[in-house]
Amino acid sequence: MKVTFKEWNAVATWRWDMPDDDVCGICRVQFDGTCPTCKFPGDDCALLLGKCGHSFHMHCLMTWIQQEASKGLCPMCRQKFEWKGNEEDGNATQNTQDTAQDTTQDIQV
Protein backbone atom coordinates (compact mmCIF):
# COMPACT_ATOMS: atom_id res chain seq x y z
CA MET A 1 0.00 0.00 0.00
CA LYS A 2 1.42 3.38 -1.00
CA VAL A 3 0.47 6.52 0.95
CA THR A 4 0.93 10.04 -0.39
CA PHE A 5 0.35 13.33 1.34
CA LYS A 6 -1.83 15.78 -0.53
CA GLU A 7 -1.37 18.59 1.97
CA TRP A 8 0.83 19.25 5.00
CA ASN A 9 -0.04 21.87 7.63
CA ALA A 10 2.57 22.51 10.29
CA VAL A 11 1.68 24.17 13.57
CA ALA A 12 4.14 25.86 15.90
CA THR A 13 3.77 27.35 19.35
CA TRP A 14 5.97 29.75 21.26
CA ARG A 15 6.29 31.00 24.82
CA TRP A 16 8.18 33.81 26.47
CA ASP A 17 10.82 32.50 28.86
CA MET A 18 9.01 33.90 31.91
CA PRO A 19 7.35 32.33 34.96
CA ASP A 20 3.75 31.24 34.29
CA ASP A 21 2.31 33.66 36.83
CA ASP A 22 4.26 36.68 35.55
CA VAL A 23 2.05 39.45 34.17
CA CYS A 24 2.61 42.91 32.76
CA GLY A 25 2.80 45.34 35.67
CA ILE A 26 0.65 47.87 33.81
CA CYS A 27 -2.18 46.00 32.05
CA ARG A 28 -2.01 42.86 34.30
CA VAL A 29 -2.25 40.51 31.27
CA GLN A 30 0.03 37.46 31.13
CA PHE A 31 2.94 37.81 28.74
CA ASP A 32 1.72 34.87 26.64
CA GLY A 33 -1.39 36.93 25.93
CA THR A 34 -1.57 40.31 24.26
CA CYS A 35 -1.53 43.81 25.60
CA PRO A 36 -4.71 45.87 25.11
CA THR A 37 -3.15 47.52 22.02
CA CYS A 38 -2.36 44.31 20.08
CA LYS A 39 -4.65 41.79 18.41
CA PHE A 40 -2.17 38.90 18.31
CA PRO A 41 0.72 37.90 20.59
CA GLY A 42 4.21 37.73 19.16
CA ASP A 43 6.87 40.01 17.82
CA ASP A 44 4.54 43.01 17.54
CA CYS A 45 3.87 42.75 21.28
CA ALA A 46 7.43 42.51 22.55
CA LEU A 47 8.46 42.47 26.19
CA LEU A 48 10.69 45.11 27.71
CA LEU A 49 12.81 44.14 30.68
CA GLY A 50 14.06 46.76 33.11
CA LYS A 51 17.27 46.68 35.12
CA CYS A 52 15.03 46.82 38.19
CA GLY A 53 13.71 43.36 37.27
CA HIS A 54 10.22 44.38 36.16
CA SER A 55 8.82 43.40 32.75
CA PHE A 56 6.16 45.07 30.63
CA HIS A 57 4.53 44.84 27.22
CA MET A 58 6.26 47.34 24.94
CA HIS A 59 3.04 49.22 24.15
CA CYS A 60 2.02 49.43 27.80
CA LEU A 61 5.40 50.83 28.86
CA MET A 62 5.59 53.30 25.97
CA THR A 63 2.14 54.63 26.89
CA TRP A 64 3.26 54.93 30.52
CA ILE A 65 6.57 56.67 29.69
CA GLN A 66 4.78 59.22 27.46
CA GLN A 67 2.70 60.41 30.41
CA GLU A 68 4.19 63.45 32.12
CA ALA A 69 3.36 62.03 35.56
CA SER A 70 5.55 58.96 34.97
CA LYS A 71 8.75 61.05 35.08
CA GLY A 72 10.60 58.16 33.38
CA LEU A 73 10.16 55.93 36.43
CA CYS A 74 9.28 52.23 36.59
CA PRO A 75 5.53 51.88 37.24
CA MET A 76 6.19 49.16 39.83
CA CYS A 77 9.12 50.32 41.99
CA ARG A 78 9.41 54.00 40.96
CA GLN A 79 13.13 53.70 40.22
CA LYS A 80 14.47 55.37 37.08
CA PHE A 81 13.50 52.93 34.33
CA GLU A 82 16.48 51.67 32.34
CA TRP A 83 16.36 48.92 29.72
CA LYS A 84 18.00 45.66 30.66
CA GLY A 85 20.40 44.48 27.99
CA ASN A 86 23.84 43.15 27.27
CA GLU A 87 25.66 46.48 27.31
CA GLU A 88 29.41 46.36 26.93
CA ASP A 89 30.37 50.02 27.14
CA GLY A 90 29.52 53.08 29.21
CA ASN A 91 27.41 54.60 26.42
CA ALA A 92 24.74 51.94 26.81
CA THR A 93 22.45 54.06 28.98
CA GLN A 94 22.51 56.94 26.50
CA ASN A 95 21.91 54.54 23.60
CA THR A 96 18.87 52.99 25.29
CA GLN A 97 17.47 56.42 26.10
CA ASP A 98 17.89 57.45 22.45
CA THR A 99 16.21 54.21 21.35
CA ALA A 100 13.33 54.84 23.76
CA GLN A 101 12.83 58.33 22.34
CA ASP A 102 12.89 56.99 18.77
CA THR A 103 10.39 54.24 19.66
CA THR A 104 8.16 56.72 21.46
CA GLN A 105 7.97 58.87 18.35
CA ASP A 106 7.07 55.89 16.16
CA ILE A 107 4.19 54.63 18.33
CA GLN A 108 0.88 56.42 17.89
CA VAL A 109 -1.30 56.16 20.99
PDB file of N, CA and C in Angstrom:
ATOM      1  N   MET A   1       0.847  -1.177   0.000  1.00  0.00           N
ATOM      2  CA  MET A   1       0.000   0.000   0.000  1.00  0.00           C
ATOM      3  C   MET A   1       0.896   1.245   0.000  1.00  0.00           C
ATOM      4  N   LYS A   2       0.649   2.152  -0.884  1.00  0.00           N
ATOM      5  CA  LYS A   2       1.417   3.376  -1.001  1.00  0.00           C
ATOM      6  C   LYS A   2       0.563   4.538  -0.493  1.00  0.00           C
ATOM      7  N   VAL A   3       1.170   5.370   0.377  1.00  0.00           N
ATOM      8  CA  VAL A   3       0.466   6.520   0.947  1.00  0.00           C
ATOM      9  C   VAL A   3       1.154   7.790   0.459  1.00  0.00           C
ATOM     10  N   THR A   4       0.382   8.740   0.013  1.00  0.00           N
ATOM     11  CA  THR A   4       0.931  10.039  -0.393  1.00  0.00           C
ATOM     12  C   THR A   4       0.196  11.147   0.351  1.00  0.00           C
ATOM     13  N   PHE A   5       0.940  12.173   0.674  1.00  0.00           N
ATOM     14  CA  PHE A   5       0.354  13.331   1.341  1.00  0.00           C
ATOM     15  C   PHE A   5      -0.099  14.318   0.283  1.00  0.00           C
ATOM     16  N   LYS A   6      -1.324  14.769   0.388  1.00  0.00           N
ATOM     17  CA  LYS A   6      -1.828  15.782  -0.535  1.00  0.00           C
ATOM     18  C   LYS A   6      -1.596  17.184   0.024  1.00  0.00           C
ATOM     19  N   GLU A   7      -1.556  17.285   1.340  1.00  0.00           N
ATOM     20  CA  GLU A   7      -1.367  18.589   1.967  1.00  0.00           C
ATOM     21  C   GLU A   7      -0.717  18.386   3.324  1.00  0.00           C
ATOM     22  N   TRP A   8       0.152  19.316   3.707  1.00  0.00           N
ATOM     23  CA  TRP A   8       0.834  19.248   4.995  1.00  0.00           C
ATOM     24  C   TRP A   8       0.685  20.603   5.664  1.00  0.00           C
ATOM     25  N   ASN A   9       0.125  20.635   6.864  1.00  0.00           N
ATOM     26  CA  ASN A   9      -0.041  21.871   7.626  1.00  0.00           C
ATOM     27  C   ASN A   9       0.731  21.743   8.928  1.00  0.00           C
ATOM     28  N   ALA A  10       1.773  22.526   9.068  1.00  0.00           N
ATOM     29  CA  ALA A  10       2.575  22.510  10.292  1.00  0.00           C
ATOM     30  C   ALA A  10       2.036  23.555  11.264  1.00  0.00           C
ATOM     31  N   VAL A  11       2.120  23.255  12.532  1.00  0.00           N
ATOM     32  CA  VAL A  11       1.678  24.168  13.574  1.00  0.00           C
ATOM     33  C   VAL A  11       2.822  24.344  14.558  1.00  0.00           C
ATOM     34  N   ALA A  12       3.077  25.581  14.933  1.00  0.00           N
ATOM     35  CA  ALA A  12       4.142  25.863  15.895  1.00  0.00           C
ATOM     36  C   ALA A  12       3.570  26.681  17.048  1.00  0.00           C
ATOM     37  N   THR A  13       4.147  26.535  18.194  1.00  0.00           N
ATOM     38  CA  THR A  13       3.770  27.349  19.346  1.00  0.00           C
ATOM     39  C   THR A  13       5.024  28.005  19.895  1.00  0.00           C
ATOM     40  N   TRP A  14       4.849  29.072  20.640  1.00  0.00           N
ATOM     41  CA  TRP A  14       5.970  29.750  21.259  1.00  0.00           C
ATOM     42  C   TRP A  14       5.557  30.198  22.652  1.00  0.00           C
ATOM     43  N   ARG A  15       6.527  30.481  23.470  1.00  0.00           N
ATOM     44  CA  ARG A  15       6.294  30.995  24.819  1.00  0.00           C
ATOM     45  C   ARG A  15       7.438  31.929  25.180  1.00  0.00           C
ATOM     46  N   TRP A  16       7.131  32.978  25.906  1.00  0.00           N
ATOM     47  CA  TRP A  16       8.180  33.809  26.473  1.00  0.00           C
ATOM     48  C   TRP A  16       8.832  33.009  27.592  1.00  0.00           C
ATOM     49  N   ASP A  17      10.102  33.190  27.802  1.00  0.00           N
ATOM     50  CA  ASP A  17      10.822  32.497  28.865  1.00  0.00           C
ATOM     51  C   ASP A  17      10.621  33.258  30.176  1.00  0.00           C
ATOM     52  N   MET A  18       9.400  33.197  30.689  1.00  0.00           N
ATOM     53  CA  MET A  18       9.006  33.900  31.909  1.00  0.00           C
ATOM     54  C   MET A  18       8.225  32.927  32.785  1.00  0.00           C
ATOM     55  N   PRO A  19       8.186  33.179  34.104  1.00  0.00           N
ATOM     56  CA  PRO A  19       7.346  32.334  34.965  1.00  0.00           C
ATOM     57  C   PRO A  19       5.883  32.399  34.531  1.00  0.00           C
ATOM     58  N   ASP A  20       5.151  31.313  34.740  1.00  0.00           N
ATOM     59  CA  ASP A  20       3.754  31.238  34.293  1.00  0.00           C
ATOM     60  C   ASP A  20       2.858  32.298  34.922  1.00  0.00           C
ATOM     61  N   ASP A  21       3.170  32.699  36.150  1.00  0.00           N
ATOM     62  CA  ASP A  21       2.307  33.659  36.835  1.00  0.00           C
ATOM     63  C   ASP A  21       2.752  35.106  36.614  1.00  0.00           C
ATOM     64  N   ASP A  22       3.753  35.334  35.780  1.00  0.00           N
ATOM     65  CA  ASP A  22       4.259  36.676  35.545  1.00  0.00           C
ATOM     66  C   ASP A  22       3.333  37.426  34.592  1.00  0.00           C
ATOM     67  N   VAL A  23       2.945  38.628  34.983  1.00  0.00           N
ATOM     68  CA  VAL A  23       2.045  39.449  34.173  1.00  0.00           C
ATOM     69  C   VAL A  23       2.652  40.834  33.986  1.00  0.00           C
ATOM     70  N   CYS A  24       2.190  41.536  32.983  1.00  0.00           N
ATOM     71  CA  CYS A  24       2.611  42.914  32.756  1.00  0.00           C
ATOM     72  C   CYS A  24       2.180  43.750  33.961  1.00  0.00           C
ATOM     73  N   GLY A  25       3.096  44.534  34.493  1.00  0.00           N
ATOM     74  CA  GLY A  25       2.799  45.345  35.665  1.00  0.00           C
ATOM     75  C   GLY A  25       1.843  46.489  35.396  1.00  0.00           C
ATOM     76  N   ILE A  26       1.544  46.760  34.147  1.00  0.00           N
ATOM     77  CA  ILE A  26       0.654  47.869  33.807  1.00  0.00           C
ATOM     78  C   ILE A  26      -0.745  47.368  33.465  1.00  0.00           C
ATOM     79  N   CYS A  27      -0.853  46.455  32.489  1.00  0.00           N
ATOM     80  CA  CYS A  27      -2.183  46.000  32.054  1.00  0.00           C
ATOM     81  C   CYS A  27      -2.634  44.728  32.774  1.00  0.00           C
ATOM     82  N   ARG A  28      -1.728  44.074  33.503  1.00  0.00           N
ATOM     83  CA  ARG A  28      -2.009  42.861  34.296  1.00  0.00           C
ATOM     84  C   ARG A  28      -2.401  41.658  33.437  1.00  0.00           C
ATOM     85  N   VAL A  29      -2.004  41.634  32.166  1.00  0.00           N
ATOM     86  CA  VAL A  29      -2.251  40.506  31.270  1.00  0.00           C
ATOM     87  C   VAL A  29      -0.984  39.661  31.223  1.00  0.00           C
ATOM     88  N   GLN A  30      -1.138  38.330  31.217  1.00  0.00           N
ATOM     89  CA  GLN A  30       0.029  37.461  31.127  1.00  0.00           C
ATOM     90  C   GLN A  30       0.795  37.744  29.846  1.00  0.00           C
ATOM     91  N   PHE A  31       2.100  37.502  29.892  1.00  0.00           N
ATOM     92  CA  PHE A  31       2.939  37.808  28.740  1.00  0.00           C
ATOM     93  C   PHE A  31       2.670  36.901  27.553  1.00  0.00           C
ATOM     94  N   ASP A  32       2.087  35.730  27.762  1.00  0.00           N
ATOM     95  CA  ASP A  32       1.721  34.874  26.638  1.00  0.00           C
ATOM     96  C   ASP A  32       0.482  35.392  25.925  1.00  0.00           C
ATOM     97  N   GLY A  33      -0.230  36.310  26.558  1.00  0.00           N
ATOM     98  CA  GLY A  33      -1.390  36.932  25.935  1.00  0.00           C
ATOM     99  C   GLY A  33      -0.957  38.180  25.190  1.00  0.00           C
ATOM    100  N   THR A  34      -1.890  39.069  24.957  1.00  0.00           N
ATOM    101  CA  THR A  34      -1.566  40.313  24.256  1.00  0.00           C
ATOM    102  C   THR A  34      -1.911  41.504  25.123  1.00  0.00           C
ATOM    103  N   CYS A  35      -1.194  42.576  24.891  1.00  0.00           N
ATOM    104  CA  CYS A  35      -1.525  43.810  25.598  1.00  0.00           C
ATOM    105  C   CYS A  35      -2.818  44.366  24.995  1.00  0.00           C
ATOM    106  N   PRO A  36      -3.455  45.324  25.641  1.00  0.00           N
ATOM    107  CA  PRO A  36      -4.709  45.874  25.115  1.00  0.00           C
ATOM    108  C   PRO A  36      -4.574  46.505  23.725  1.00  0.00           C
ATOM    109  N   THR A  37      -3.369  46.883  23.319  1.00  0.00           N
ATOM    110  CA  THR A  37      -3.150  47.516  22.020  1.00  0.00           C
ATOM    111  C   THR A  37      -3.104  46.512  20.878  1.00  0.00           C
ATOM    112  N   CYS A  38      -2.610  45.301  21.139  1.00  0.00           N
ATOM    113  CA  CYS A  38      -2.360  44.310  20.077  1.00  0.00           C
ATOM    114  C   CYS A  38      -3.529  43.342  19.903  1.00  0.00           C
ATOM    115  N   LYS A  39      -3.638  42.811  18.685  1.00  0.00           N
ATOM    116  CA  LYS A  39      -4.646  41.792  18.412  1.00  0.00           C
ATOM    117  C   LYS A  39      -4.083  40.395  18.583  1.00  0.00           C
ATOM    118  N   PHE A  40      -2.793  40.220  18.273  1.00  0.00           N
ATOM    119  CA  PHE A  40      -2.169  38.904  18.315  1.00  0.00           C
ATOM    120  C   PHE A  40      -0.874  38.967  19.111  1.00  0.00           C
ATOM    121  N   PRO A  41      -0.563  37.922  19.882  1.00  0.00           N
ATOM    122  CA  PRO A  41       0.721  37.897  20.592  1.00  0.00           C
ATOM    123  C   PRO A  41       1.862  37.659  19.608  1.00  0.00           C
ATOM    124  N   GLY A  42       3.050  37.997  20.015  1.00  0.00           N
ATOM    125  CA  GLY A  42       4.207  37.729  19.160  1.00  0.00           C
ATOM    126  C   GLY A  42       5.150  38.900  19.086  1.00  0.00           C
ATOM    127  N   ASP A  43       5.836  39.003  17.976  1.00  0.00           N
ATOM    128  CA  ASP A  43       6.873  40.011  17.823  1.00  0.00           C
ATOM    129  C   ASP A  43       6.343  41.436  17.887  1.00  0.00           C
ATOM    130  N   ASP A  44       5.102  41.660  17.485  1.00  0.00           N
ATOM    131  CA  ASP A  44       4.544  43.005  17.542  1.00  0.00           C
ATOM    132  C   ASP A  44       4.181  43.414  18.961  1.00  0.00           C
ATOM    133  N   CYS A  45       4.186  42.476  19.870  1.00  0.00           N
ATOM    134  CA  CYS A  45       3.870  42.745  21.276  1.00  0.00           C
ATOM    135  C   CYS A  45       5.060  42.282  22.119  1.00  0.00           C
ATOM    136  N   ALA A  46       6.187  42.918  21.884  1.00  0.00           N
ATOM    137  CA  ALA A  46       7.432  42.508  22.545  1.00  0.00           C
ATOM    138  C   ALA A  46       7.422  42.853  24.028  1.00  0.00           C
ATOM    139  N   LEU A  47       8.295  42.196  24.771  1.00  0.00           N
ATOM    140  CA  LEU A  47       8.464  42.471  26.188  1.00  0.00           C
ATOM    141  C   LEU A  47       9.674  43.358  26.391  1.00  0.00           C
ATOM    142  N   LEU A  48       9.569  44.274  27.327  1.00  0.00           N
ATOM    143  CA  LEU A  48      10.694  45.110  27.710  1.00  0.00           C
ATOM    144  C   LEU A  48      11.057  44.768  29.142  1.00  0.00           C
ATOM    145  N   LEU A  49      12.325  44.493  29.359  1.00  0.00           N
ATOM    146  CA  LEU A  49      12.812  44.143  30.684  1.00  0.00           C
ATOM    147  C   LEU A  49      13.609  45.308  31.236  1.00  0.00           C
ATOM    148  N   GLY A  50      13.324  45.676  32.472  1.00  0.00           N
ATOM    149  CA  GLY A  50      14.056  46.757  33.109  1.00  0.00           C
ATOM    150  C   GLY A  50      15.167  46.230  33.990  1.00  0.00           C
ATOM    151  N   LYS A  51      16.176  47.067  34.222  1.00  0.00           N
ATOM    152  CA  LYS A  51      17.270  46.679  35.116  1.00  0.00           C
ATOM    153  C   LYS A  51      16.758  46.431  36.532  1.00  0.00           C
ATOM    154  N   CYS A  52      15.617  47.006  36.866  1.00  0.00           N
ATOM    155  CA  CYS A  52      15.035  46.817  38.192  1.00  0.00           C
ATOM    156  C   CYS A  52      14.396  45.440  38.339  1.00  0.00           C
ATOM    157  N   GLY A  53      14.270  44.706  37.222  1.00  0.00           N
ATOM    158  CA  GLY A  53      13.711  43.363  37.272  1.00  0.00           C
ATOM    159  C   GLY A  53      12.252  43.269  36.870  1.00  0.00           C
ATOM    160  N   HIS A  54      11.624  44.392  36.564  1.00  0.00           N
ATOM    161  CA  HIS A  54      10.222  44.376  36.160  1.00  0.00           C
ATOM    162  C   HIS A  54      10.099  44.299  34.642  1.00  0.00           C
ATOM    163  N   SER A  55       9.048  43.617  34.183  1.00  0.00           N
ATOM    164  CA  SER A  55       8.822  43.401  32.752  1.00  0.00           C
ATOM    165  C   SER A  55       7.461  43.958  32.352  1.00  0.00           C
ATOM    166  N   PHE A  56       7.392  44.464  31.121  1.00  0.00           N
ATOM    167  CA  PHE A  56       6.163  45.074  30.629  1.00  0.00           C
ATOM    168  C   PHE A  56       6.007  44.794  29.140  1.00  0.00           C
ATOM    169  N   HIS A  57       4.750  44.828  28.666  1.00  0.00           N
ATOM    170  CA  HIS A  57       4.529  44.837  27.221  1.00  0.00           C
ATOM    171  C   HIS A  57       5.090  46.157  26.692  1.00  0.00           C
ATOM    172  N   MET A  58       5.671  46.133  25.518  1.00  0.00           N
ATOM    173  CA  MET A  58       6.265  47.337  24.939  1.00  0.00           C
ATOM    174  C   MET A  58       5.243  48.471  24.836  1.00  0.00           C
ATOM    175  N   HIS A  59       4.045  48.166  24.329  1.00  0.00           N
ATOM    176  CA  HIS A  59       3.041  49.219  24.146  1.00  0.00           C
ATOM    177  C   HIS A  59       2.583  49.799  25.484  1.00  0.00           C
ATOM    178  N   CYS A  60       2.444  48.952  26.484  1.00  0.00           N
ATOM    179  CA  CYS A  60       2.024  49.429  27.805  1.00  0.00           C
ATOM    180  C   CYS A  60       3.068  50.381  28.382  1.00  0.00           C
ATOM    181  N   LEU A  61       4.345  49.996  28.299  1.00  0.00           N
ATOM    182  CA  LEU A  61       5.404  50.830  28.863  1.00  0.00           C
ATOM    183  C   LEU A  61       5.560  52.130  28.079  1.00  0.00           C
ATOM    184  N   MET A  62       5.462  52.081  26.763  1.00  0.00           N
ATOM    185  CA  MET A  62       5.593  53.302  25.969  1.00  0.00           C
ATOM    186  C   MET A  62       4.466  54.281  26.296  1.00  0.00           C
ATOM    187  N   THR A  63       3.259  53.768  26.498  1.00  0.00           N
ATOM    188  CA  THR A  63       2.141  54.626  26.892  1.00  0.00           C
ATOM    189  C   THR A  63       2.419  55.250  28.253  1.00  0.00           C
ATOM    190  N   TRP A  64       2.940  54.447  29.175  1.00  0.00           N
ATOM    191  CA  TRP A  64       3.264  54.929  30.520  1.00  0.00           C
ATOM    192  C   TRP A  64       4.353  56.004  30.461  1.00  0.00           C
ATOM    193  N   ILE A  65       5.431  55.740  29.744  1.00  0.00           N
ATOM    194  CA  ILE A  65       6.567  56.665  29.685  1.00  0.00           C
ATOM    195  C   ILE A  65       6.162  57.997  29.058  1.00  0.00           C
ATOM    196  N   GLN A  66       5.213  57.985  28.123  1.00  0.00           N
ATOM    197  CA  GLN A  66       4.781  59.216  27.458  1.00  0.00           C
ATOM    198  C   GLN A  66       3.987  60.128  28.387  1.00  0.00           C
ATOM    199  N   GLN A  67       3.466  59.591  29.475  1.00  0.00           N
ATOM    200  CA  GLN A  67       2.701  60.407  30.413  1.00  0.00           C
ATOM    201  C   GLN A  67       3.657  61.276  31.228  1.00  0.00           C
ATOM    202  N   GLU A  68       3.324  62.527  31.375  1.00  0.00           N
ATOM    203  CA  GLU A  68       4.185  63.447  32.116  1.00  0.00           C
ATOM    204  C   GLU A  68       4.349  63.016  33.570  1.00  0.00           C
ATOM    205  N   ALA A  69       3.316  62.444  34.155  1.00  0.00           N
ATOM    206  CA  ALA A  69       3.359  62.035  35.561  1.00  0.00           C
ATOM    207  C   ALA A  69       4.317  60.873  35.813  1.00  0.00           C
ATOM    208  N   SER A  70       4.672  60.120  34.772  1.00  0.00           N
ATOM    209  CA  SER A  70       5.551  58.961  34.969  1.00  0.00           C
ATOM    210  C   SER A  70       6.971  59.375  35.313  1.00  0.00           C
ATOM    211  N   LYS A  71       7.411  60.519  34.819  1.00  0.00           N
ATOM    212  CA  LYS A  71       8.752  61.051  35.076  1.00  0.00           C
ATOM    213  C   LYS A  71       9.852  60.058  34.726  1.00  0.00           C
ATOM    214  N   GLY A  72       9.587  59.130  33.795  1.00  0.00           N
ATOM    215  CA  GLY A  72      10.597  58.159  33.379  1.00  0.00           C
ATOM    216  C   GLY A  72      10.880  57.079  34.407  1.00  0.00           C
ATOM    217  N   LEU A  73       9.955  56.897  35.356  1.00  0.00           N
ATOM    218  CA  LEU A  73      10.156  55.926  36.431  1.00  0.00           C
ATOM    219  C   LEU A  73       9.433  54.619  36.133  1.00  0.00           C
ATOM    220  N   CYS A  74       9.936  53.534  36.712  1.00  0.00           N
ATOM    221  CA  CYS A  74       9.283  52.229  36.594  1.00  0.00           C
ATOM    222  C   CYS A  74       7.916  52.311  37.269  1.00  0.00           C
ATOM    223  N   PRO A  75       6.857  51.826  36.631  1.00  0.00           N
ATOM    224  CA  PRO A  75       5.528  51.881  37.239  1.00  0.00           C
ATOM    225  C   PRO A  75       5.401  51.031  38.500  1.00  0.00           C
ATOM    226  N   MET A  76       6.289  50.071  38.684  1.00  0.00           N
ATOM    227  CA  MET A  76       6.189  49.162  39.826  1.00  0.00           C
ATOM    228  C   MET A  76       6.977  49.656  41.042  1.00  0.00           C
ATOM    229  N   CYS A  77       8.258  49.995  40.850  1.00  0.00           N
ATOM    230  CA  CYS A  77       9.119  50.318  41.994  1.00  0.00           C
ATOM    231  C   CYS A  77       9.514  51.792  42.047  1.00  0.00           C
ATOM    232  N   ARG A  78       9.143  52.562  41.053  1.00  0.00           N
ATOM    233  CA  ARG A  78       9.409  54.000  40.964  1.00  0.00           C
ATOM    234  C   ARG A  78      10.898  54.356  40.901  1.00  0.00           C
ATOM    235  N   GLN A  79      11.737  53.392  40.515  1.00  0.00           N
ATOM    236  CA  GLN A  79      13.134  53.702  40.224  1.00  0.00           C
ATOM    237  C   GLN A  79      13.196  54.228  38.797  1.00  0.00           C
ATOM    238  N   LYS A  80      14.294  54.924  38.461  1.00  0.00           N
ATOM    239  CA  LYS A  80      14.466  55.371  37.081  1.00  0.00           C
ATOM    240  C   LYS A  80      14.460  54.135  36.189  1.00  0.00           C
ATOM    241  N   PHE A  81      13.588  54.109  35.178  1.00  0.00           N
ATOM    242  CA  PHE A  81      13.500  52.928  34.326  1.00  0.00           C
ATOM    243  C   PHE A  81      14.620  52.938  33.302  1.00  0.00           C
ATOM    244  N   GLU A  82      15.415  51.863  33.322  1.00  0.00           N
ATOM    245  CA  GLU A  82      16.479  51.668  32.342  1.00  0.00           C
ATOM    246  C   GLU A  82      16.296  50.296  31.736  1.00  0.00           C
ATOM    247  N   TRP A  83      16.504  50.188  30.422  1.00  0.00           N
ATOM    248  CA  TRP A  83      16.357  48.921  29.719  1.00  0.00           C
ATOM    249  C   TRP A  83      17.423  47.946  30.180  1.00  0.00           C
ATOM    250  N   LYS A  84      17.040  46.705  30.334  1.00  0.00           N
ATOM    251  CA  LYS A  84      18.005  45.662  30.664  1.00  0.00           C
ATOM    252  C   LYS A  84      18.520  45.087  29.355  1.00  0.00           C
ATOM    253  N   GLY A  85      19.823  45.002  29.220  1.00  0.00           N
ATOM    254  CA  GLY A  85      20.402  44.479  27.986  1.00  0.00           C
ATOM    255  C   GLY A  85      21.816  44.006  28.231  1.00  0.00           C
ATOM    256  N   ASN A  86      22.463  43.612  27.184  1.00  0.00           N
ATOM    257  CA  ASN A  86      23.844  43.150  27.265  1.00  0.00           C
ATOM    258  C   ASN A  86      24.780  44.276  26.850  1.00  0.00           C
ATOM    259  N   GLU A  87      24.820  45.340  27.638  1.00  0.00           N
ATOM    260  CA  GLU A  87      25.659  46.484  27.314  1.00  0.00           C
ATOM    261  C   GLU A  87      27.114  46.152  27.623  1.00  0.00           C
ATOM    262  N   GLU A  88      27.991  46.607  26.736  1.00  0.00           N
ATOM    263  CA  GLU A  88      29.408  46.362  26.934  1.00  0.00           C
ATOM    264  C   GLU A  88      30.179  47.633  27.229  1.00  0.00           C
ATOM    265  N   ASP A  89      29.615  48.795  26.917  1.00  0.00           N
ATOM    266  CA  ASP A  89      30.365  50.021  27.139  1.00  0.00           C
ATOM    267  C   ASP A  89      29.549  50.998  27.967  1.00  0.00           C
ATOM    268  N   GLY A  90      30.169  52.089  28.363  1.00  0.00           N
ATOM    269  CA  GLY A  90      29.519  53.075  29.209  1.00  0.00           C
ATOM    270  C   GLY A  90      28.464  53.892  28.497  1.00  0.00           C
ATOM    271  N   ASN A  91      28.395  53.831  27.179  1.00  0.00           N
ATOM    272  CA  ASN A  91      27.412  54.596  26.419  1.00  0.00           C
ATOM    273  C   ASN A  91      26.077  53.885  26.325  1.00  0.00           C
ATOM    274  N   ALA A  92      25.947  52.742  26.959  1.00  0.00           N
ATOM    275  CA  ALA A  92      24.736  51.936  26.807  1.00  0.00           C
ATOM    276  C   ALA A  92      23.499  52.665  27.305  1.00  0.00           C
ATOM    277  N   THR A  93      23.612  53.363  28.439  1.00  0.00           N
ATOM    278  CA  THR A  93      22.446  54.056  28.980  1.00  0.00           C
ATOM    279  C   THR A  93      21.969  55.129  28.012  1.00  0.00           C
ATOM    280  N   GLN A  94      22.892  55.909  27.455  1.00  0.00           N
ATOM    281  CA  GLN A  94      22.511  56.938  26.496  1.00  0.00           C
ATOM    282  C   GLN A  94      21.889  56.316  25.258  1.00  0.00           C
ATOM    283  N   ASN A  95      22.455  55.203  24.788  1.00  0.00           N
ATOM    284  CA  ASN A  95      21.915  54.536  23.603  1.00  0.00           C
ATOM    285  C   ASN A  95      20.499  54.048  23.837  1.00  0.00           C
ATOM    286  N   THR A  96      20.219  53.484  25.021  1.00  0.00           N
ATOM    287  CA  THR A  96      18.872  52.990  25.286  1.00  0.00           C
ATOM    288  C   THR A  96      17.896  54.143  25.434  1.00  0.00           C
ATOM    289  N   GLN A  97      18.351  55.271  25.994  1.00  0.00           N
ATOM    290  CA  GLN A  97      17.467  56.421  26.097  1.00  0.00           C
ATOM    291  C   GLN A  97      17.138  56.958  24.709  1.00  0.00           C
ATOM    292  N   ASP A  98      18.138  57.009  23.818  1.00  0.00           N
ATOM    293  CA  ASP A  98      17.893  57.448  22.448  1.00  0.00           C
ATOM    294  C   ASP A  98      16.922  56.509  21.748  1.00  0.00           C
ATOM    295  N   THR A  99      17.099  55.203  21.952  1.00  0.00           N
ATOM    296  CA  THR A  99      16.207  54.212  21.351  1.00  0.00           C
ATOM    297  C   THR A  99      14.792  54.399  21.872  1.00  0.00           C
ATOM    298  N   ALA A 100      14.658  54.644  23.168  1.00  0.00           N
ATOM    299  CA  ALA A 100      13.335  54.840  23.759  1.00  0.00           C
ATOM    300  C   ALA A 100      12.659  56.062  23.147  1.00  0.00           C
ATOM    301  N   GLN A 101      13.413  57.141  22.940  1.00  0.00           N
ATOM    302  CA  GLN A 101      12.832  58.331  22.338  1.00  0.00           C
ATOM    303  C   GLN A 101      12.409  58.051  20.903  1.00  0.00           C
ATOM    304  N   ASP A 102      13.245  57.328  20.142  1.00  0.00           N
ATOM    305  CA  ASP A 102      12.891  56.987  18.768  1.00  0.00           C
ATOM    306  C   ASP A 102      11.634  56.131  18.727  1.00  0.00           C
ATOM    307  N   THR A 103      11.548  55.130  19.618  1.00  0.00           N
ATOM    308  CA  THR A 103      10.395  54.242  19.658  1.00  0.00           C
ATOM    309  C   THR A 103       9.146  55.019  20.046  1.00  0.00           C
ATOM    310  N   THR A 104       9.291  55.935  21.005  1.00  0.00           N
ATOM    311  CA  THR A 104       8.158  56.719  21.461  1.00  0.00           C
ATOM    312  C   THR A 104       7.594  57.548  20.312  1.00  0.00           C
ATOM    313  N   GLN A 105       8.446  58.066  19.470  1.00  0.00           N
ATOM    314  CA  GLN A 105       7.974  58.867  18.355  1.00  0.00           C
ATOM    315  C   GLN A 105       7.259  58.020  17.314  1.00  0.00           C
ATOM    316  N   ASP A 106       7.661  56.758  17.171  1.00  0.00           N
ATOM    317  CA  ASP A 106       7.067  55.890  16.164  1.00  0.00           C
ATOM    318  C   ASP A 106       5.702  55.345  16.563  1.00  0.00           C
ATOM    319  N   ILE A 107       5.433  55.236  17.863  1.00  0.00           N
ATOM    320  CA  ILE A 107       4.188  54.633  18.332  1.00  0.00           C
ATOM    321  C   ILE A 107       3.117  55.707  18.452  1.00  0.00           C
ATOM    322  N   GLN A 108       2.011  55.502  17.812  1.00  0.00           N
ATOM    323  CA  GLN A 108       0.879  56.415  17.895  1.00  0.00           C
ATOM    324  C   GLN A 108      -0.115  55.867  18.905  1.00  0.00           C
ATOM    325  N   VAL A 109      -0.390  56.630  19.947  1.00  0.00           N
ATOM    326  CA  VAL A 109      -1.305  56.164  20.994  1.00  0.00           C
ATOM    327  C   VAL A 109      -2.596  56.922  20.899  1.00  0.00           C
TER     328      VAL A 109
END
